[in-house]
C-alpha cells in the first residue's frame, strides 16, 4: 500500500526531468496541451474515484445521501480558496502574483504547483485509507488507478514548474530539484491523512468529497483558464477530453 503513495510523486519527478531534454522552454501549444490533459485527469479522478465512492457510502440515507457529499465538496473548495489567498504564489497562466511578499519569483512558482499538489496527495491518502479500513465503494485497484492517474497528470505539472525556471537562467539540476520538491508534498500529505483517518472513518464521505472539491478548485481556478487563453484553445480542450477518458478508463477498468 505504501508504494502507491509514491506513484504520484514519481510522476512529478519525471516531468521535472524534462529540463534535461528541452533547451530552454516548452512551446505555448505544448504547455496548453499539458494543462488541458492534466485538467481532464483531475476532473475524472474527482468524479469517478472520489465523489462516486462517497455517494456509495451514503446510499443508506436515500435521497438525502447527497448532503454529506455536498458539504464535504464545499469545504474542500473553501479550503483551497483560503490557501490560495494566504500563500504567496504565482498563477501559472500569467505573471500575476498572489499577496505581496518578499519571496523570489522562482519560489512563488514552486509554491503555486505545490499548492496544486496538496489536494492530490490528500485524495490518494483518503482513498488508500478507505480501502485499508474496509469502506464500501473503495478498493485497492481503485486506489491504484487514482494514484496512476494523478501520476500521469503530474508529469506535465512537473514540466510546467521546471521549464520556466530553466528559461529564467536557473541551472538544469536546480530546476529539476525545484520540480521534485513541489511534488514532495503529495506522499507526505497522503501519509498524514492515512494516519489520521482511523478516527474519521464514520465521516469518510466528507473526506472523499473534500478532496474532490479541492481538486476541482485547482482545475477551475488555474488550469482551465490557462488552457483556454489565446488562439488555438481547442488544443487544450482536446487534451482535456483525452485526459478525462484515460482517467475514466483507469478507474472503471481497474476499480
C-alpha atoms as a PDB file:
ATOM      1  CA  UNK A   1       0.000   0.000   0.000  1.00  0.00           C
ATOM      2  CA  UNK A   2       2.757   2.447   0.891  1.00  0.00           C
ATOM      3  CA  UNK A   3       4.266   2.062  -2.585  1.00  0.00           C
ATOM      4  CA  UNK A   4       1.060   3.526  -4.045  1.00  0.00           C
ATOM      5  CA  UNK A   5       1.704   6.777  -2.193  1.00  0.00           C
ATOM      6  CA  UNK A   6       4.984   7.266  -4.064  1.00  0.00           C
ATOM      7  CA  UNK A   7       3.500   6.839  -7.561  1.00  0.00           C
ATOM      8  CA  UNK A   8       2.162  10.423  -7.960  1.00  0.00           C
ATOM      9  CA  UNK A   9       5.462  11.829  -6.676  1.00  0.00           C
ATOM     10  CA  UNK A  10       7.328   9.841  -9.332  1.00  0.00           C
ATOM     11  CA  UNK A  11       5.109  11.396 -11.996  1.00  0.00           C
ATOM     12  CA  UNK A  12       6.072  14.904 -10.884  1.00  0.00           C
ATOM     13  CA  UNK A  13       9.758  13.975 -10.752  1.00  0.00           C
ATOM     14  CA  UNK A  14       9.705  12.532 -14.276  1.00  0.00           C
ATOM     15  CA  UNK A  15       8.006  15.676 -15.533  1.00  0.00           C
ATOM     16  CA  UNK A  16      10.636  17.837 -13.849  1.00  0.00           C
ATOM     17  CA  UNK A  17      13.295  15.765 -15.644  1.00  0.00           C
ATOM     18  CA  UNK A  18      12.121  17.360 -18.916  1.00  0.00           C
ATOM     19  CA  UNK A  19      14.672  20.089 -18.209  1.00  0.00           C
ATOM     20  CA  UNK A  20      17.333  17.611 -19.345  1.00  0.00           C
ATOM     21  CA  UNK A  21      15.518  17.011 -22.665  1.00  0.00           C
ATOM     22  CA  UNK A  22      14.486  20.516 -23.746  1.00  0.00           C
ATOM     23  CA  UNK A  23      16.742  23.509 -24.338  1.00  0.00           C
ATOM     24  CA  UNK A  24      15.049  26.431 -22.620  1.00  0.00           C
ATOM     25  CA  UNK A  25      11.271  26.279 -22.571  1.00  0.00           C
ATOM     26  CA  UNK A  26       8.122  24.428 -23.609  1.00  0.00           C
ATOM     27  CA  UNK A  27       6.149  25.875 -26.513  1.00  0.00           C
ATOM     28  CA  UNK A  28       2.825  27.537 -25.709  1.00  0.00           C
ATOM     29  CA  UNK A  29       0.808  24.898 -27.554  1.00  0.00           C
ATOM     30  CA  UNK A  30       2.572  22.043 -25.784  1.00  0.00           C
ATOM     31  CA  UNK A  31       2.098  23.702 -22.401  1.00  0.00           C
ATOM     32  CA  UNK A  32      -1.590  24.275 -23.203  1.00  0.00           C
ATOM     33  CA  UNK A  33      -1.882  20.600 -24.176  1.00  0.00           C
ATOM     34  CA  UNK A  34      -0.187  19.522 -20.937  1.00  0.00           C
ATOM     35  CA  UNK A  35      -2.524  21.705 -18.890  1.00  0.00           C
ATOM     36  CA  UNK A  36      -5.654  20.518 -20.672  1.00  0.00           C
ATOM     37  CA  UNK A  37      -4.660  16.881 -20.220  1.00  0.00           C
ATOM     38  CA  UNK A  38      -3.968  17.400 -16.505  1.00  0.00           C
ATOM     39  CA  UNK A  39      -7.351  19.121 -16.123  1.00  0.00           C
ATOM     40  CA  UNK A  40      -9.205  16.208 -17.708  1.00  0.00           C
ATOM     41  CA  UNK A  41      -7.471  13.671 -15.478  1.00  0.00           C
ATOM     42  CA  UNK A  42      -8.234  15.668 -12.327  1.00  0.00           C
ATOM     43  CA  UNK A  43     -11.914  16.160 -13.181  1.00  0.00           C
ATOM     44  CA  UNK A  44     -12.389  12.454 -13.959  1.00  0.00           C
ATOM     45  CA  UNK A  45     -10.480  11.436 -10.815  1.00  0.00           C
ATOM     46  CA  UNK A  46     -12.624  13.771  -8.709  1.00  0.00           C
ATOM     47  CA  UNK A  47     -15.823  12.223 -10.004  1.00  0.00           C
ATOM     48  CA  UNK A  48     -15.053   8.534 -10.501  1.00  0.00           C
ATOM     49  CA  UNK A  49     -12.505   7.993  -7.698  1.00  0.00           C
ATOM     50  CA  UNK A  50     -13.879  10.334  -5.029  1.00  0.00           C
ATOM     51  CA  UNK A  51     -17.451  11.546  -5.484  1.00  0.00           C
ATOM     52  CA  UNK A  52     -18.947   8.238  -6.657  1.00  0.00           C
ATOM     53  CA  UNK A  53     -17.418   6.236  -3.735  1.00  0.00           C
ATOM     54  CA  UNK A  54     -18.629   8.965  -1.358  1.00  0.00           C
ATOM     55  CA  UNK A  55     -22.173   8.686  -2.728  1.00  0.00           C
ATOM     56  CA  UNK A  56     -21.943   4.897  -2.494  1.00  0.00           C
ATOM     57  CA  UNK A  57     -21.204   5.201   1.225  1.00  0.00           C
ATOM     58  CA  UNK A  58     -24.216   7.484   1.832  1.00  0.00           C
ATOM     59  CA  UNK A  59     -26.782   5.471  -0.123  1.00  0.00           C
ATOM     60  CA  UNK A  60     -28.398   4.296   3.133  1.00  0.00           C
ATOM     61  CA  UNK A  61     -29.566   7.917   3.561  1.00  0.00           C
ATOM     62  CA  UNK A  62     -31.705   7.578   0.456  1.00  0.00           C
ATOM     63  CA  UNK A  63     -32.389  10.803  -1.393  1.00  0.00           C
ATOM     64  CA  UNK A  64     -30.541  12.777   1.284  1.00  0.00           C
ATOM     65  CA  UNK A  65     -27.266  10.991   0.540  1.00  0.00           C
ATOM     66  CA  UNK A  66     -26.057  13.968  -1.444  1.00  0.00           C
ATOM     67  CA  UNK A  67     -25.926  16.189   1.657  1.00  0.00           C
ATOM     68  CA  UNK A  68     -22.663  14.894   3.241  1.00  0.00           C
ATOM     69  CA  UNK A  69     -21.033  14.805  -0.191  1.00  0.00           C
ATOM     70  CA  UNK A  70     -22.125  18.364  -0.967  1.00  0.00           C
ATOM     71  CA  UNK A  71     -20.882  19.628   2.395  1.00  0.00           C
ATOM     72  CA  UNK A  72     -17.505  17.932   2.010  1.00  0.00           C
ATOM     73  CA  UNK A  73     -17.151  19.229  -1.547  1.00  0.00           C
ATOM     74  CA  UNK A  74     -17.906  22.803  -0.478  1.00  0.00           C
ATOM     75  CA  UNK A  75     -15.440  22.643   2.420  1.00  0.00           C
ATOM     76  CA  UNK A  76     -12.744  21.335   0.059  1.00  0.00           C
ATOM     77  CA  UNK A  77     -13.322  24.261  -2.286  1.00  0.00           C
ATOM     78  CA  UNK A  78     -13.180  26.739   0.599  1.00  0.00           C
ATOM     79  CA  UNK A  79     -10.011  25.130   1.970  1.00  0.00           C
ATOM     80  CA  UNK A  80      -8.141  25.663  -1.304  1.00  0.00           C
ATOM     81  CA  UNK A  81      -9.598  29.159  -1.637  1.00  0.00           C
ATOM     82  CA  UNK A  82      -8.160  30.099   1.766  1.00  0.00           C
ATOM     83  CA  UNK A  83      -4.770  28.586   0.889  1.00  0.00           C
ATOM     84  CA  UNK A  84      -4.848  30.411  -2.436  1.00  0.00           C
ATOM     85  CA  UNK A  85      -5.348  33.704  -0.615  1.00  0.00           C
ATOM     86  CA  UNK A  86      -2.892  33.145   2.230  1.00  0.00           C
ATOM     87  CA  UNK A  87       0.058  31.538   0.423  1.00  0.00           C
ATOM     88  CA  UNK A  88       2.014  33.950  -1.791  1.00  0.00           C
ATOM     89  CA  UNK A  89       2.381  32.332  -5.195  1.00  0.00           C
ATOM     90  CA  UNK A  90       2.209  32.972  -8.922  1.00  0.00           C
ATOM     91  CA  UNK A  91      -0.653  31.936 -11.144  1.00  0.00           C
ATOM     92  CA  UNK A  92       0.585  29.555 -13.799  1.00  0.00           C
ATOM     93  CA  UNK A  93      -1.098  31.324 -16.700  1.00  0.00           C
ATOM     94  CA  UNK A  94       0.468  34.751 -16.212  1.00  0.00           C
ATOM     95  CA  UNK A  95       2.973  36.782 -14.299  1.00  0.00           C
ATOM     96  CA  UNK A  96       0.261  37.757 -11.836  1.00  0.00           C
ATOM     97  CA  UNK A  97       1.238  37.147  -8.254  1.00  0.00           C
ATOM     98  CA  UNK A  98      -0.703  36.371  -5.134  1.00  0.00           C
ATOM     99  CA  UNK A  99      -0.404  38.523  -1.987  1.00  0.00           C
ATOM    100  CA  UNK A 100       2.595  40.843  -1.992  1.00  0.00           C
ATOM    101  CA  UNK A 101       5.647  39.362  -0.325  1.00  0.00           C
ATOM    102  CA  UNK A 102       9.402  39.363  -0.470  1.00  0.00           C
ATOM    103  CA  UNK A 103       9.605  35.907  -1.984  1.00  0.00           C
ATOM    104  CA  UNK A 104      11.520  35.367  -5.213  1.00  0.00           C
ATOM    105  CA  UNK A 105       9.581  34.697  -8.419  1.00  0.00           C
ATOM    106  CA  UNK A 106      11.004  31.180  -8.627  1.00  0.00           C
ATOM    107  CA  UNK A 107       9.877  30.436  -5.075  1.00  0.00           C
ATOM    108  CA  UNK A 108       6.364  31.654  -5.847  1.00  0.00           C
ATOM    109  CA  UNK A 109       6.167  29.443  -8.941  1.00  0.00           C
ATOM    110  CA  UNK A 110       7.208  26.388  -6.923  1.00  0.00           C
ATOM    111  CA  UNK A 111       4.649  27.291  -4.255  1.00  0.00           C
ATOM    112  CA  UNK A 112       1.941  27.505  -6.932  1.00  0.00           C
ATOM    113  CA  UNK A 113       2.485  23.927  -8.121  1.00  0.00           C
ATOM    114  CA  UNK A 114       2.991  22.720  -4.544  1.00  0.00           C
ATOM    115  CA  UNK A 115      -0.385  24.240  -3.701  1.00  0.00           C
ATOM    116  CA  UNK A 116      -1.910  22.244  -6.568  1.00  0.00           C
ATOM    117  CA  UNK A 117      -0.340  19.037  -5.296  1.00  0.00           C
ATOM    118  CA  UNK A 118      -1.829  19.267  -1.794  1.00  0.00           C
ATOM    119  CA  UNK A 119      -5.339  18.042  -2.731  1.00  0.00           C
ATOM    120  CA  UNK A 120      -3.886  15.349  -4.974  1.00  0.00           C
ATOM    121  CA  UNK A 121      -1.815  13.884  -2.135  1.00  0.00           C
ATOM    122  CA  UNK A 122      -4.831  14.107   0.173  1.00  0.00           C
ATOM    123  CA  UNK A 123      -7.020  12.353  -2.390  1.00  0.00           C
ATOM    124  CA  UNK A 124      -4.653   9.385  -2.687  1.00  0.00           C
ATOM    125  CA  UNK A 125      -4.294   9.180   1.091  1.00  0.00           C
ATOM    126  CA  UNK A 126      -8.056   9.293   1.641  1.00  0.00           C
ATOM    127  CA  UNK A 127      -8.787   6.577  -0.912  1.00  0.00           C
ATOM    128  CA  UNK A 128      -5.984   4.377   0.452  1.00  0.00           C
ATOM    129  CA  UNK A 129      -7.313   4.866   3.979  1.00  0.00           C
ATOM    130  CA  UNK A 130     -10.803   3.939   2.823  1.00  0.00           C
ATOM    131  CA  UNK A 131      -9.514   0.693   1.344  1.00  0.00           C
ATOM    132  CA  UNK A 132      -7.372  -0.117   4.398  1.00  0.00           C
ATOM    133  CA  UNK A 133     -10.344   0.305   6.733  1.00  0.00           C
ATOM    134  CA  UNK A 134     -12.712  -1.678   4.524  1.00  0.00           C
ATOM    135  CA  UNK A 135     -15.026   1.105   3.404  1.00  0.00           C
ATOM    136  CA  UNK A 136     -17.653   0.202   0.810  1.00  0.00           C
ATOM    137  CA  UNK A 137     -17.023   1.559  -2.637  1.00  0.00           C
ATOM    138  CA  UNK A 138     -13.249   1.829  -2.179  1.00  0.00           C
ATOM    139  CA  UNK A 139     -10.957  -0.936  -3.454  1.00  0.00           C
ATOM    140  CA  UNK A 140      -7.216  -1.473  -3.752  1.00  0.00           C
ATOM    141  CA  UNK A 141      -7.426  -1.262  -7.538  1.00  0.00           C
ATOM    142  CA  UNK A 142      -9.433   1.935  -7.205  1.00  0.00           C
ATOM    143  CA  UNK A 143      -6.669   3.442  -5.069  1.00  0.00           C
ATOM    144  CA  UNK A 144      -4.058   2.237  -7.571  1.00  0.00           C
ATOM    145  CA  UNK A 145      -5.930   3.692 -10.538  1.00  0.00           C
ATOM    146  CA  UNK A 146      -6.240   7.052  -8.785  1.00  0.00           C
ATOM    147  CA  UNK A 147      -2.511   7.084  -7.977  1.00  0.00           C
ATOM    148  CA  UNK A 148      -1.643   6.188 -11.582  1.00  0.00           C
ATOM    149  CA  UNK A 149      -3.999   8.819 -12.974  1.00  0.00           C
ATOM    150  CA  UNK A 150      -2.580  11.549 -10.744  1.00  0.00           C
ATOM    151  CA  UNK A 151       0.972  10.449 -11.631  1.00  0.00           C
ATOM    152  CA  UNK A 152       0.129  10.802 -15.331  1.00  0.00           C
ATOM    153  CA  UNK A 153      -1.230  14.318 -14.866  1.00  0.00           C
ATOM    154  CA  UNK A 154       1.679  15.193 -12.552  1.00  0.00           C
ATOM    155  CA  UNK A 155       4.102  14.645 -15.428  1.00  0.00           C
ATOM    156  CA  UNK A 156       3.078  17.840 -17.247  1.00  0.00           C
ATOM    157  CA  UNK A 157       2.836  19.688 -13.919  1.00  0.00           C
ATOM    158  CA  UNK A 158       6.446  18.790 -13.141  1.00  0.00           C
ATOM    159  CA  UNK A 159       7.472  20.136 -16.536  1.00  0.00           C
ATOM    160  CA  UNK A 160       5.344  23.263 -16.151  1.00  0.00           C
ATOM    161  CA  UNK A 161       7.095  24.244 -12.918  1.00  0.00           C
ATOM    162  CA  UNK A 162      10.642  23.365 -14.028  1.00  0.00           C
ATOM    163  CA  UNK A 163      10.843  24.629 -17.602  1.00  0.00           C
ATOM    164  CA  UNK A 164      10.000  28.304 -16.888  1.00  0.00           C
ATOM    165  CA  UNK A 165      12.723  28.360 -14.235  1.00  0.00           C
ATOM    166  CA  UNK A 166      15.187  26.972 -16.772  1.00  0.00           C
ATOM    167  CA  UNK A 167      14.192  29.739 -19.200  1.00  0.00           C
ATOM    168  CA  UNK A 168      14.983  32.291 -16.489  1.00  0.00           C
ATOM    169  CA  UNK A 169      18.573  31.128 -16.277  1.00  0.00           C
ATOM    170  CA  UNK A 170      18.471  28.629 -13.418  1.00  0.00           C
ATOM    171  CA  UNK A 171      20.671  25.559 -13.829  1.00  0.00           C
ATOM    172  CA  UNK A 172      19.104  22.329 -15.048  1.00  0.00           C
ATOM    173  CA  UNK A 173      19.877  20.484 -11.828  1.00  0.00           C
ATOM    174  CA  UNK A 174      18.435  23.277  -9.701  1.00  0.00           C
ATOM    175  CA  UNK A 175      15.218  23.483 -11.730  1.00  0.00           C
ATOM    176  CA  UNK A 176      14.884  19.697 -11.580  1.00  0.00           C
ATOM    177  CA  UNK A 177      15.205  19.803  -7.794  1.00  0.00           C
ATOM    178  CA  UNK A 178      12.582  22.565  -7.626  1.00  0.00           C
ATOM    179  CA  UNK A 179      10.184  20.365  -9.579  1.00  0.00           C
ATOM    180  CA  UNK A 180      10.860  17.353  -7.378  1.00  0.00           C
ATOM    181  CA  UNK A 181      10.387  19.497  -4.279  1.00  0.00           C
ATOM    182  CA  UNK A 182       6.987  20.688  -5.488  1.00  0.00           C
ATOM    183  CA  UNK A 183       5.799  17.069  -5.634  1.00  0.00           C
ATOM    184  CA  UNK A 184       7.191  16.003  -2.247  1.00  0.00           C
ATOM    185  CA  UNK A 185       4.077  17.326  -0.510  1.00  0.00           C
ATOM    186  CA  UNK A 186       1.980  14.549  -2.076  1.00  0.00           C
ATOM    187  CA  UNK A 187       3.329  11.456  -0.272  1.00  0.00           C
ATOM    188  CA  UNK A 188       3.723  13.486   2.931  1.00  0.00           C
ATOM    189  CA  UNK A 189       0.119  14.686   2.768  1.00  0.00           C
ATOM    190  CA  UNK A 190      -1.129  11.199   1.917  1.00  0.00           C
ATOM    191  CA  UNK A 191       0.681   9.635   4.891  1.00  0.00           C
ATOM    192  CA  UNK A 192      -0.657  12.270   7.290  1.00  0.00           C
ATOM    193  CA  UNK A 193      -4.206  11.686   6.047  1.00  0.00           C
ATOM    194  CA  UNK A 194      -3.870   7.909   6.456  1.00  0.00           C
ATOM    195  CA  UNK A 195      -2.518   8.262   9.986  1.00  0.00           C
ATOM    196  CA  UNK A 196      -5.438  10.492  10.950  1.00  0.00           C
ATOM    197  CA  UNK A 197      -8.143   8.671   9.003  1.00  0.00           C
ATOM    198  CA  UNK A 198      -8.777   5.937  11.574  1.00  0.00           C
ATOM    199  CA  UNK A 199     -10.551   8.388  13.836  1.00  0.00           C
ATOM    200  CA  UNK A 200     -12.691   9.737  10.997  1.00  0.00           C
ATOM    201  CA  UNK A 201     -13.854   6.619   9.181  1.00  0.00           C
ATOM    202  CA  UNK A 202     -17.540   7.284  10.032  1.00  0.00           C
ATOM    203  CA  UNK A 203     -17.306  10.545   8.068  1.00  0.00           C
ATOM    204  CA  UNK A 204     -15.257   9.177   5.181  1.00  0.00           C
ATOM    205  CA  UNK A 205     -17.783  10.507   2.595  1.00  0.00           C
ATOM    206  CA  UNK A 206     -16.932  14.005   3.784  1.00  0.00           C
ATOM    207  CA  UNK A 207     -13.222  13.317   3.335  1.00  0.00           C
ATOM    208  CA  UNK A 208     -13.641  11.869  -0.154  1.00  0.00           C
ATOM    209  CA  UNK A 209     -15.779  14.746  -1.368  1.00  0.00           C
ATOM    210  CA  UNK A 210     -13.480  17.235   0.390  1.00  0.00           C
ATOM    211  CA  UNK A 211     -10.577  16.018  -1.746  1.00  0.00           C
ATOM    212  CA  UNK A 212     -12.785  16.207  -4.850  1.00  0.00           C
ATOM    213  CA  UNK A 213     -13.738  19.801  -4.082  1.00  0.00           C
ATOM    214  CA  UNK A 214     -10.112  20.785  -3.545  1.00  0.00           C
ATOM    215  CA  UNK A 215      -9.048  19.217  -6.850  1.00  0.00           C
ATOM    216  CA  UNK A 216     -11.889  20.838  -8.785  1.00  0.00           C
ATOM    217  CA  UNK A 217     -10.906  24.201  -7.321  1.00  0.00           C
ATOM    218  CA  UNK A 218      -7.425  23.821  -8.790  1.00  0.00           C
ATOM    219  CA  UNK A 219      -8.852  22.900 -12.197  1.00  0.00           C
ATOM    220  CA  UNK A 220     -11.310  25.797 -12.335  1.00  0.00           C
ATOM    221  CA  UNK A 221      -9.059  28.451 -10.774  1.00  0.00           C
ATOM    222  CA  UNK A 222      -5.777  27.692 -12.517  1.00  0.00           C
ATOM    223  CA  UNK A 223      -5.725  25.002 -15.188  1.00  0.00           C
ATOM    224  CA  UNK A 224      -8.796  25.698 -17.320  1.00  0.00           C
ATOM    225  CA  UNK A 225      -8.045  29.451 -17.652  1.00  0.00           C
ATOM    226  CA  UNK A 226      -4.527  28.611 -18.806  1.00  0.00           C
ATOM    227  CA  UNK A 227      -5.511  26.000 -21.352  1.00  0.00           C
ATOM    228  CA  UNK A 228      -8.211  28.260 -22.837  1.00  0.00           C
ATOM    229  CA  UNK A 229      -6.364  31.547 -23.265  1.00  0.00           C
ATOM    230  CA  UNK A 230      -5.102  32.827 -26.583  1.00  0.00           C
ATOM    231  CA  UNK A 231      -5.527  31.277 -30.016  1.00  0.00           C
ATOM    232  CA  UNK A 232      -5.747  27.530 -30.666  1.00  0.00           C
ATOM    233  CA  UNK A 233      -7.505  26.912 -27.359  1.00  0.00           C
ATOM    234  CA  UNK A 234      -9.006  23.811 -28.989  1.00  0.00           C
ATOM    235  CA  UNK A 235      -5.684  22.060 -28.300  1.00  0.00           C
ATOM    236  CA  UNK A 236      -6.302  22.277 -24.571  1.00  0.00           C
ATOM    237  CA  UNK A 237      -9.915  21.178 -25.000  1.00  0.00           C
ATOM    238  CA  UNK A 238      -8.955  18.087 -26.999  1.00  0.00           C
ATOM    239  CA  UNK A 239      -6.286  17.137 -24.475  1.00  0.00           C
ATOM    240  CA  UNK A 240      -8.787  17.696 -21.656  1.00  0.00           C
ATOM    241  CA  UNK A 241     -11.051  15.104 -23.268  1.00  0.00           C
ATOM    242  CA  UNK A 242      -8.133  12.701 -23.680  1.00  0.00           C
ATOM    243  CA  UNK A 243      -7.138  13.063 -20.036  1.00  0.00           C
ATOM    244  CA  UNK A 244     -10.721  12.598 -18.860  1.00  0.00           C
ATOM    245  CA  UNK A 245     -11.246   9.449 -20.931  1.00  0.00           C
ATOM    246  CA  UNK A 246      -7.912   7.966 -19.831  1.00  0.00           C
ATOM    247  CA  UNK A 247      -8.639   8.510 -16.136  1.00  0.00           C
ATOM    248  CA  UNK A 248     -12.183   7.181 -16.526  1.00  0.00           C
ATOM    249  CA  UNK A 249     -10.837   4.077 -18.247  1.00  0.00           C
ATOM    250  CA  UNK A 250      -8.260   3.549 -15.490  1.00  0.00           C
ATOM    251  CA  UNK A 251     -10.831   3.929 -12.724  1.00  0.00           C
ATOM    252  CA  UNK A 252     -13.576   1.837 -14.306  1.00  0.00           C
ATOM    253  CA  UNK A 253     -11.199  -0.761 -15.747  1.00  0.00           C
ATOM    254  CA  UNK A 254      -9.080  -1.230 -12.628  1.00  0.00           C
ATOM    255  CA  UNK A 255     -11.539  -0.234  -9.931  1.00  0.00           C
END
